[in-house]
Amino acid sequence: MRIIATLAMSVASNLSLATEPATVDAGLTEASCSFIVSSDTKQSDFVPVPGLKVLHPDTSQPQLDVQLEPGVSLDGVVCWRSSADLGPNDDWVARTGVPLYIKKDDKNSDNTVLVLELTDVGYRVRIISGPELSPAQVELATSLIETFNTRRNTGT
């Protein structure tokens, strides 16, 4: 597993050469999302959650809030998107301590899979599988992680 970016409030972005701020691809779409759950007696399972939107979450729910049966844990959320890229609201899941896995929505098993996690020093994104990110994808991920860390540090 390769760590792409971990930013703390005191760490400056090393991609300061960019002249324009990174923007999220307006064409980025999300096909579906599932929970990864486990229990005391079973291994992890995917549980489809119709209507769960991480890319554009419902504004009535300020962060992911899941009520589970005793002995069941939420180990992650996985979303299938038009590309394996972070979106502007992905901290909606990760700020709760639940990793967000992002996978390109197609049948090619060699696609990139990213995970967004919250660590003690801030958010980070790692490549779980697939090729390295392009410079533009790294710039976008770095910019979004900086935004997520600002939200975390200011409580917004």
N, C-alpha and C. Protein backbone atom coordinates (compact mmCIF):
# COMPACT_ATOMS: atom_id res chain seq x y z
N MET A 1 0.83 -1.16 0.00
CA MET A 1 0.00 0.00 0.00
C MET A 1 0.88 1.24 0.00
N ARG A 2 0.51 2.22 -0.81
CA ARG A 2 1.30 3.43 -0.94
C ARG A 2 0.53 4.61 -0.36
N ILE A 3 1.17 5.40 0.47
CA ILE A 3 0.53 6.58 1.03
C ILE A 3 0.73 7.72 0.04
N ILE A 4 -0.35 8.35 -0.38
CA ILE A 4 -0.30 9.44 -1.34
C ILE A 4 -0.12 10.76 -0.62
N ALA A 5 -0.91 11.02 0.39
CA ALA A 5 -0.81 12.32 1.05
C ALA A 5 -1.30 12.22 2.47
N THR A 6 -0.58 12.81 3.36
CA THR A 6 -1.01 13.01 4.73
C THR A 6 -0.64 14.44 5.06
N LEU A 7 -1.62 15.23 5.39
CA LEU A 7 -1.36 16.63 5.66
C LEU A 7 -1.80 16.98 7.06
N ALA A 8 -0.94 17.60 7.81
CA ALA A 8 -1.31 18.18 9.09
C ALA A 8 -1.39 19.68 8.89
N MET A 9 -1.95 20.37 9.86
CA MET A 9 -2.12 21.80 9.73
C MET A 9 -0.79 22.52 9.51
N SER A 10 0.28 22.01 10.08
CA SER A 10 1.57 22.69 9.97
C SER A 10 2.38 22.28 8.74
N VAL A 11 1.87 21.35 7.96
CA VAL A 11 2.62 20.86 6.80
C VAL A 11 2.08 21.54 5.55
N ALA A 12 2.96 22.16 4.80
CA ALA A 12 2.55 22.83 3.57
C ALA A 12 2.55 21.84 2.42
N SER A 13 1.71 22.10 1.47
CA SER A 13 1.63 21.25 0.29
C SER A 13 2.92 21.37 -0.51
N ASN A 14 3.43 20.23 -0.97
CA ASN A 14 4.64 20.25 -1.77
C ASN A 14 4.33 20.44 -3.25
N LEU A 15 3.08 20.67 -3.56
CA LEU A 15 2.71 20.88 -4.95
C LEU A 15 2.39 22.35 -5.20
N SER A 16 3.15 23.23 -4.61
CA SER A 16 2.88 24.66 -4.72
C SER A 16 3.21 25.23 -6.10
N LEU A 17 3.68 24.39 -6.99
CA LEU A 17 4.02 24.86 -8.33
C LEU A 17 2.79 25.10 -9.19
N ALA A 18 1.66 24.56 -8.78
CA ALA A 18 0.44 24.72 -9.57
C ALA A 18 0.00 26.18 -9.54
N THR A 19 -0.42 26.69 -10.66
CA THR A 19 -0.86 28.08 -10.72
C THR A 19 -2.35 28.20 -10.47
N GLU A 20 -3.10 27.20 -10.72
CA GLU A 20 -4.54 27.21 -10.51
C GLU A 20 -4.88 26.26 -9.37
N PRO A 21 -5.90 26.60 -8.54
CA PRO A 21 -6.30 25.65 -7.51
C PRO A 21 -6.93 24.42 -8.15
N ALA A 22 -6.73 23.28 -7.49
CA ALA A 22 -7.30 22.05 -8.01
C ALA A 22 -8.82 22.10 -7.91
N THR A 23 -9.49 21.57 -8.91
CA THR A 23 -10.94 21.52 -8.88
C THR A 23 -11.39 20.10 -9.13
N VAL A 24 -12.54 19.78 -8.56
CA VAL A 24 -13.10 18.45 -8.72
C VAL A 24 -13.75 18.36 -10.09
N ASP A 25 -13.51 17.25 -10.77
CA ASP A 25 -14.10 17.00 -12.09
C ASP A 25 -15.62 17.05 -11.98
N ALA A 26 -16.22 18.00 -12.72
CA ALA A 26 -17.68 18.14 -12.68
C ALA A 26 -18.37 16.89 -13.20
N GLY A 27 -17.66 16.05 -13.95
CA GLY A 27 -18.24 14.84 -14.49
C GLY A 27 -18.16 13.65 -13.56
N LEU A 28 -17.56 13.82 -12.36
CA LEU A 28 -17.43 12.72 -11.41
C LEU A 28 -18.82 12.34 -10.90
N THR A 29 -19.16 11.06 -11.07
CA THR A 29 -20.45 10.56 -10.60
C THR A 29 -20.24 9.35 -9.70
N GLU A 30 -21.26 9.05 -8.94
CA GLU A 30 -21.21 7.93 -8.00
C GLU A 30 -22.35 6.98 -8.34
N ALA A 31 -22.01 5.74 -8.65
CA ALA A 31 -23.03 4.76 -9.03
C ALA A 31 -23.74 4.19 -7.81
N SER A 32 -22.97 3.83 -6.78
CA SER A 32 -23.57 3.25 -5.58
C SER A 32 -22.53 3.21 -4.46
N CYS A 33 -23.02 2.98 -3.25
CA CYS A 33 -22.14 2.83 -2.09
C CYS A 33 -22.66 1.67 -1.24
N SER A 34 -21.73 1.04 -0.55
CA SER A 34 -22.05 -0.08 0.34
C SER A 34 -21.30 0.08 1.64
N PHE A 35 -21.83 -0.55 2.68
CA PHE A 35 -21.10 -0.65 3.94
C PHE A 35 -20.28 -1.92 3.93
N ILE A 36 -19.14 -1.87 4.58
CA ILE A 36 -18.36 -3.07 4.87
C ILE A 36 -18.56 -3.31 6.36
N VAL A 37 -19.26 -4.38 6.70
CA VAL A 37 -19.58 -4.66 8.10
C VAL A 37 -19.01 -6.01 8.49
N SER A 38 -18.76 -6.16 9.78
CA SER A 38 -18.32 -7.45 10.31
C SER A 38 -19.00 -7.65 11.66
N SER A 39 -19.02 -8.89 12.06
CA SER A 39 -19.60 -9.22 13.37
C SER A 39 -18.64 -10.14 14.10
N ASP A 40 -18.96 -10.42 15.33
CA ASP A 40 -18.11 -11.29 16.14
C ASP A 40 -17.94 -12.67 15.52
N THR A 41 -18.94 -13.11 14.77
CA THR A 41 -18.93 -14.49 14.27
C THR A 41 -18.61 -14.62 12.79
N LYS A 42 -18.54 -13.51 12.04
CA LYS A 42 -18.35 -13.60 10.60
C LYS A 42 -17.26 -12.67 10.12
N GLN A 43 -16.77 -12.96 8.93
CA GLN A 43 -15.84 -12.05 8.27
C GLN A 43 -16.64 -10.87 7.70
N SER A 44 -15.92 -9.91 7.15
CA SER A 44 -16.57 -8.72 6.59
C SER A 44 -17.45 -9.07 5.40
N ASP A 45 -18.54 -8.32 5.29
CA ASP A 45 -19.48 -8.46 4.18
C ASP A 45 -19.78 -7.08 3.61
N PHE A 46 -20.07 -7.03 2.30
CA PHE A 46 -20.58 -5.83 1.67
C PHE A 46 -22.09 -5.81 1.88
N VAL A 47 -22.60 -4.67 2.32
CA VAL A 47 -24.04 -4.50 2.47
C VAL A 47 -24.44 -3.29 1.63
N PRO A 48 -25.11 -3.52 0.49
CA PRO A 48 -25.54 -2.39 -0.33
C PRO A 48 -26.46 -1.46 0.47
N VAL A 49 -26.28 -0.16 0.27
CA VAL A 49 -27.11 0.82 0.97
C VAL A 49 -27.74 1.73 -0.09
N PRO A 50 -28.91 1.32 -0.60
CA PRO A 50 -29.57 2.15 -1.61
C PRO A 50 -29.81 3.56 -1.06
N GLY A 51 -29.50 4.54 -1.88
CA GLY A 51 -29.73 5.93 -1.49
C GLY A 51 -28.56 6.58 -0.75
N LEU A 52 -27.56 5.81 -0.35
CA LEU A 52 -26.40 6.41 0.32
C LEU A 52 -25.59 7.18 -0.71
N LYS A 53 -25.40 8.45 -0.46
CA LYS A 53 -24.64 9.32 -1.35
C LYS A 53 -23.51 9.95 -0.56
N VAL A 54 -22.28 9.65 -0.91
CA VAL A 54 -21.12 10.26 -0.27
C VAL A 54 -20.64 11.45 -1.10
N LEU A 55 -20.66 11.32 -2.40
CA LEU A 55 -20.21 12.40 -3.28
C LEU A 55 -21.06 13.66 -3.05
N HIS A 56 -22.35 13.48 -2.89
CA HIS A 56 -23.28 14.59 -2.62
C HIS A 56 -24.24 14.15 -1.51
N PRO A 57 -23.75 14.15 -0.25
CA PRO A 57 -24.59 13.66 0.84
C PRO A 57 -25.79 14.56 1.12
N ASP A 58 -26.80 13.98 1.72
CA ASP A 58 -28.00 14.71 2.12
C ASP A 58 -27.60 15.77 3.15
N THR A 59 -27.96 17.00 2.91
CA THR A 59 -27.57 18.09 3.80
C THR A 59 -28.22 17.99 5.18
N SER A 60 -29.25 17.17 5.31
CA SER A 60 -29.89 17.03 6.62
C SER A 60 -29.07 16.15 7.57
N GLN A 61 -28.07 15.49 7.06
CA GLN A 61 -27.21 14.64 7.89
C GLN A 61 -25.78 15.18 7.78
N PRO A 62 -25.31 15.94 8.81
CA PRO A 62 -24.00 16.59 8.71
C PRO A 62 -22.82 15.63 8.65
N GLN A 63 -22.97 14.41 9.12
CA GLN A 63 -21.93 13.41 8.96
C GLN A 63 -22.58 12.03 8.98
N LEU A 64 -21.83 11.05 8.55
CA LEU A 64 -22.32 9.68 8.53
C LEU A 64 -22.67 9.26 9.96
N ASP A 65 -23.87 8.77 10.15
CA ASP A 65 -24.33 8.32 11.46
C ASP A 65 -25.07 7.01 11.25
N VAL A 66 -24.46 5.91 11.68
CA VAL A 66 -25.02 4.58 11.44
C VAL A 66 -25.27 3.90 12.78
N GLN A 67 -26.47 3.41 12.96
CA GLN A 67 -26.82 2.65 14.16
C GLN A 67 -26.75 1.17 13.81
N LEU A 68 -25.93 0.43 14.55
CA LEU A 68 -25.71 -0.99 14.26
C LEU A 68 -26.16 -1.85 15.43
N GLU A 69 -26.48 -3.08 15.13
CA GLU A 69 -26.82 -4.04 16.16
C GLU A 69 -25.59 -4.32 17.03
N PRO A 70 -25.79 -4.70 18.29
CA PRO A 70 -24.64 -5.07 19.13
C PRO A 70 -23.83 -6.20 18.48
N GLY A 71 -22.51 -6.09 18.53
CA GLY A 71 -21.63 -7.10 17.95
C GLY A 71 -21.33 -6.90 16.48
N VAL A 72 -21.94 -5.88 15.86
CA VAL A 72 -21.70 -5.58 14.45
C VAL A 72 -20.91 -4.28 14.38
N SER A 73 -19.86 -4.27 13.55
CA SER A 73 -19.07 -3.05 13.40
C SER A 73 -19.03 -2.62 11.94
N LEU A 74 -18.97 -1.32 11.75
CA LEU A 74 -18.83 -0.74 10.42
C LEU A 74 -17.35 -0.56 10.17
N ASP A 75 -16.80 -1.36 9.24
CA ASP A 75 -15.36 -1.37 8.96
C ASP A 75 -14.98 -0.44 7.82
N GLY A 76 -15.95 0.03 7.06
CA GLY A 76 -15.66 0.92 5.95
C GLY A 76 -16.89 1.18 5.11
N VAL A 77 -16.77 2.15 4.24
CA VAL A 77 -17.77 2.45 3.22
C VAL A 77 -17.04 2.38 1.90
N VAL A 78 -17.63 1.72 0.92
CA VAL A 78 -17.03 1.66 -0.41
C VAL A 78 -18.01 2.27 -1.40
N CYS A 79 -17.49 3.14 -2.27
CA CYS A 79 -18.32 3.77 -3.29
C CYS A 79 -17.70 3.54 -4.66
N TRP A 80 -18.56 3.24 -5.61
CA TRP A 80 -18.15 3.04 -6.99
C TRP A 80 -18.47 4.31 -7.76
N ARG A 81 -17.43 4.86 -8.38
CA ARG A 81 -17.55 6.15 -9.07
C ARG A 81 -17.10 6.03 -10.52
N SER A 82 -17.37 7.10 -11.26
CA SER A 82 -16.96 7.13 -12.66
C SER A 82 -15.45 7.13 -12.80
N SER A 83 -14.73 7.57 -11.78
CA SER A 83 -13.28 7.44 -11.71
C SER A 83 -12.89 7.35 -10.23
N ALA A 84 -11.74 6.78 -9.97
CA ALA A 84 -11.27 6.62 -8.59
C ALA A 84 -10.62 7.92 -8.14
N ASP A 85 -11.46 8.91 -7.89
CA ASP A 85 -11.00 10.22 -7.45
C ASP A 85 -11.77 10.64 -6.21
N LEU A 86 -11.10 11.42 -5.37
CA LEU A 86 -11.76 11.99 -4.21
C LEU A 86 -12.79 13.02 -4.65
N GLY A 87 -13.82 13.17 -3.83
CA GLY A 87 -14.82 14.20 -4.05
C GLY A 87 -14.80 15.21 -2.92
N PRO A 88 -15.47 16.33 -3.09
CA PRO A 88 -15.38 17.44 -2.13
C PRO A 88 -16.01 17.16 -0.77
N ASN A 89 -16.79 16.12 -0.65
CA ASN A 89 -17.46 15.81 0.61
C ASN A 89 -17.04 14.48 1.22
N ASP A 90 -15.95 13.91 0.75
CA ASP A 90 -15.57 12.57 1.20
C ASP A 90 -15.19 12.52 2.68
N ASP A 91 -14.86 13.67 3.25
CA ASP A 91 -14.60 13.69 4.69
C ASP A 91 -15.87 13.46 5.49
N TRP A 92 -17.02 13.54 4.87
CA TRP A 92 -18.31 13.26 5.50
C TRP A 92 -18.30 11.86 6.13
N VAL A 93 -17.65 10.92 5.49
CA VAL A 93 -17.51 9.55 6.03
C VAL A 93 -16.28 9.46 6.92
N ALA A 94 -15.14 9.85 6.39
CA ALA A 94 -13.86 9.61 7.06
C ALA A 94 -13.75 10.34 8.39
N ARG A 95 -14.43 11.47 8.56
CA ARG A 95 -14.32 12.21 9.84
C ARG A 95 -14.89 11.43 11.00
N THR A 96 -15.69 10.40 10.72
CA THR A 96 -16.25 9.57 11.79
C THR A 96 -15.30 8.44 12.19
N GLY A 97 -14.15 8.35 11.51
CA GLY A 97 -13.20 7.28 11.80
C GLY A 97 -13.40 6.05 10.93
N VAL A 98 -14.35 6.13 10.02
CA VAL A 98 -14.65 5.01 9.11
C VAL A 98 -13.94 5.27 7.79
N PRO A 99 -13.08 4.35 7.33
CA PRO A 99 -12.40 4.57 6.05
C PRO A 99 -13.37 4.55 4.87
N LEU A 100 -13.10 5.40 3.89
CA LEU A 100 -13.88 5.46 2.66
C LEU A 100 -13.05 4.90 1.53
N TYR A 101 -13.52 3.82 0.92
CA TYR A 101 -12.86 3.20 -0.23
C TYR A 101 -13.55 3.70 -1.49
N ILE A 102 -12.76 4.09 -2.48
CA ILE A 102 -13.30 4.61 -3.74
C ILE A 102 -12.74 3.77 -4.87
N LYS A 103 -13.66 3.23 -5.67
CA LYS A 103 -13.28 2.35 -6.77
C LYS A 103 -13.97 2.82 -8.04
N LYS A 104 -13.27 2.70 -9.14
CA LYS A 104 -13.88 3.02 -10.43
C LYS A 104 -14.95 1.99 -10.73
N ASP A 105 -16.09 2.46 -11.22
CA ASP A 105 -17.23 1.60 -11.49
C ASP A 105 -17.13 0.99 -12.88
N ASP A 106 -16.34 -0.07 -12.99
CA ASP A 106 -16.35 -0.90 -14.20
C ASP A 106 -15.83 -2.28 -13.83
N LYS A 107 -15.85 -3.16 -14.77
CA LYS A 107 -15.55 -4.57 -14.49
C LYS A 107 -14.05 -4.90 -14.49
N ASN A 108 -13.21 -3.95 -14.83
CA ASN A 108 -11.77 -4.17 -14.89
C ASN A 108 -11.21 -4.29 -13.47
N SER A 109 -10.68 -5.43 -13.13
CA SER A 109 -10.19 -5.65 -11.77
C SER A 109 -8.88 -4.93 -11.48
N ASP A 110 -8.24 -4.37 -12.51
CA ASP A 110 -6.98 -3.66 -12.32
C ASP A 110 -7.17 -2.17 -12.03
N ASN A 111 -8.40 -1.76 -11.82
CA ASN A 111 -8.66 -0.35 -11.56
C ASN A 111 -8.09 0.10 -10.23
N THR A 112 -7.84 1.38 -10.16
CA THR A 112 -7.35 1.97 -8.92
C THR A 112 -8.41 1.92 -7.85
N VAL A 113 -7.97 1.57 -6.64
CA VAL A 113 -8.82 1.65 -5.45
C VAL A 113 -8.09 2.54 -4.46
N LEU A 114 -8.77 3.61 -4.03
CA LEU A 114 -8.22 4.53 -3.04
C LEU A 114 -8.94 4.33 -1.72
N VAL A 115 -8.26 4.69 -0.63
CA VAL A 115 -8.93 4.74 0.67
C VAL A 115 -8.57 6.08 1.31
N LEU A 116 -9.60 6.76 1.82
CA LEU A 116 -9.44 7.99 2.57
C LEU A 116 -9.63 7.66 4.03
N GLU A 117 -8.64 8.03 4.84
CA GLU A 117 -8.67 7.70 6.28
C GLU A 117 -8.33 8.94 7.09
N LEU A 118 -8.84 8.96 8.32
CA LEU A 118 -8.47 10.00 9.27
C LEU A 118 -7.46 9.42 10.25
N THR A 119 -6.31 10.06 10.37
CA THR A 119 -5.26 9.62 11.28
C THR A 119 -5.11 10.67 12.38
N ASP A 120 -4.21 10.43 13.31
CA ASP A 120 -3.98 11.39 14.39
C ASP A 120 -3.54 12.76 13.88
N VAL A 121 -2.79 12.78 12.78
CA VAL A 121 -2.28 14.05 12.26
C VAL A 121 -3.15 14.66 11.18
N GLY A 122 -4.14 13.96 10.71
CA GLY A 122 -5.01 14.49 9.67
C GLY A 122 -5.42 13.40 8.70
N TYR A 123 -6.03 13.83 7.61
CA TYR A 123 -6.50 12.89 6.60
C TYR A 123 -5.34 12.41 5.74
N ARG A 124 -5.50 11.21 5.20
CA ARG A 124 -4.55 10.69 4.22
C ARG A 124 -5.33 9.86 3.21
N VAL A 125 -4.76 9.76 2.01
CA VAL A 125 -5.32 8.90 0.98
C VAL A 125 -4.22 7.94 0.56
N ARG A 126 -4.61 6.67 0.42
CA ARG A 126 -3.65 5.64 0.00
C ARG A 126 -4.21 4.93 -1.22
N ILE A 127 -3.29 4.44 -2.05
CA ILE A 127 -3.67 3.57 -3.17
C ILE A 127 -3.64 2.15 -2.63
N ILE A 128 -4.77 1.48 -2.67
CA ILE A 128 -4.86 0.09 -2.24
C ILE A 128 -4.46 -0.84 -3.39
N SER A 129 -4.89 -0.49 -4.59
CA SER A 129 -4.51 -1.28 -5.77
C SER A 129 -4.59 -0.39 -7.00
N GLY A 130 -3.93 -0.85 -8.05
CA GLY A 130 -3.97 -0.13 -9.30
C GLY A 130 -2.74 0.72 -9.53
N PRO A 131 -2.73 1.45 -10.64
CA PRO A 131 -1.57 2.25 -11.01
C PRO A 131 -1.43 3.51 -10.14
N GLU A 132 -0.27 4.12 -10.23
CA GLU A 132 -0.02 5.39 -9.55
C GLU A 132 -1.00 6.44 -10.08
N LEU A 133 -1.26 7.44 -9.27
CA LEU A 133 -2.12 8.53 -9.72
C LEU A 133 -1.33 9.47 -10.63
N SER A 134 -2.05 10.11 -11.52
CA SER A 134 -1.43 11.11 -12.39
C SER A 134 -1.09 12.34 -11.56
N PRO A 135 -0.20 13.20 -12.06
CA PRO A 135 0.10 14.44 -11.33
C PRO A 135 -1.16 15.27 -11.03
N ALA A 136 -2.10 15.31 -11.96
CA ALA A 136 -3.34 16.07 -11.74
C ALA A 136 -4.17 15.43 -10.61
N GLN A 137 -4.22 14.10 -10.56
CA GLN A 137 -4.94 13.42 -9.49
C GLN A 137 -4.27 13.65 -8.14
N VAL A 138 -2.95 13.63 -8.11
CA VAL A 138 -2.21 13.90 -6.87
C VAL A 138 -2.50 15.33 -6.40
N GLU A 139 -2.49 16.28 -7.34
CA GLU A 139 -2.78 17.67 -6.99
C GLU A 139 -4.19 17.80 -6.44
N LEU A 140 -5.15 17.16 -7.07
CA LEU A 140 -6.54 17.21 -6.60
C LEU A 140 -6.65 16.59 -5.21
N ALA A 141 -6.07 15.41 -5.02
CA ALA A 141 -6.15 14.73 -3.72
C ALA A 141 -5.50 15.59 -2.63
N THR A 142 -4.36 16.18 -2.93
CA THR A 142 -3.66 17.01 -1.96
C THR A 142 -4.50 18.24 -1.59
N SER A 143 -5.09 18.87 -2.59
CA SER A 143 -5.93 20.04 -2.36
C SER A 143 -7.15 19.68 -1.50
N LEU A 144 -7.79 18.57 -1.81
CA LEU A 144 -8.97 18.16 -1.04
C LEU A 144 -8.60 17.77 0.38
N ILE A 145 -7.49 17.08 0.56
CA ILE A 145 -7.07 16.72 1.91
C ILE A 145 -6.77 17.97 2.73
N GLU A 146 -6.19 18.95 2.10
CA GLU A 146 -5.94 20.22 2.78
C GLU A 146 -7.28 20.85 3.22
N THR A 147 -8.28 20.81 2.35
CA THR A 147 -9.61 21.32 2.68
C THR A 147 -10.22 20.51 3.82
N PHE A 148 -10.12 19.19 3.75
CA PHE A 148 -10.68 18.34 4.81
C PHE A 148 -10.01 18.63 6.16
N ASN A 149 -8.69 18.82 6.15
CA ASN A 149 -7.98 19.11 7.39
C ASN A 149 -8.38 20.48 7.95
N THR A 150 -8.60 21.45 7.07
CA THR A 150 -9.07 22.76 7.53
C THR A 150 -10.44 22.63 8.17
N ARG A 151 -11.34 21.90 7.56
CA ARG A 151 -12.67 21.66 8.16
C ARG A 151 -12.54 21.00 9.53
N ARG A 152 -11.67 20.00 9.60
CA ARG A 152 -11.48 19.28 10.86
C ARG A 152 -10.93 20.20 11.95
N ASN A 153 -9.97 21.02 11.59
CA ASN A 153 -9.33 21.89 12.57
C ASN A 153 -10.18 23.09 12.99
N THR A 154 -11.13 23.48 12.13
CA THR A 154 -11.99 24.60 12.46
C THR A 154 -13.38 24.17 12.91
N GLY A 155 -13.66 22.87 12.80
CA GLY A 155 -14.96 22.37 13.23
C GLY A 155 -16.11 22.71 12.30
N THR A 156 -15.79 22.97 11.02
CA THR A 156 -16.86 23.30 10.07
C THR A 156 -17.18 22.15 9.16
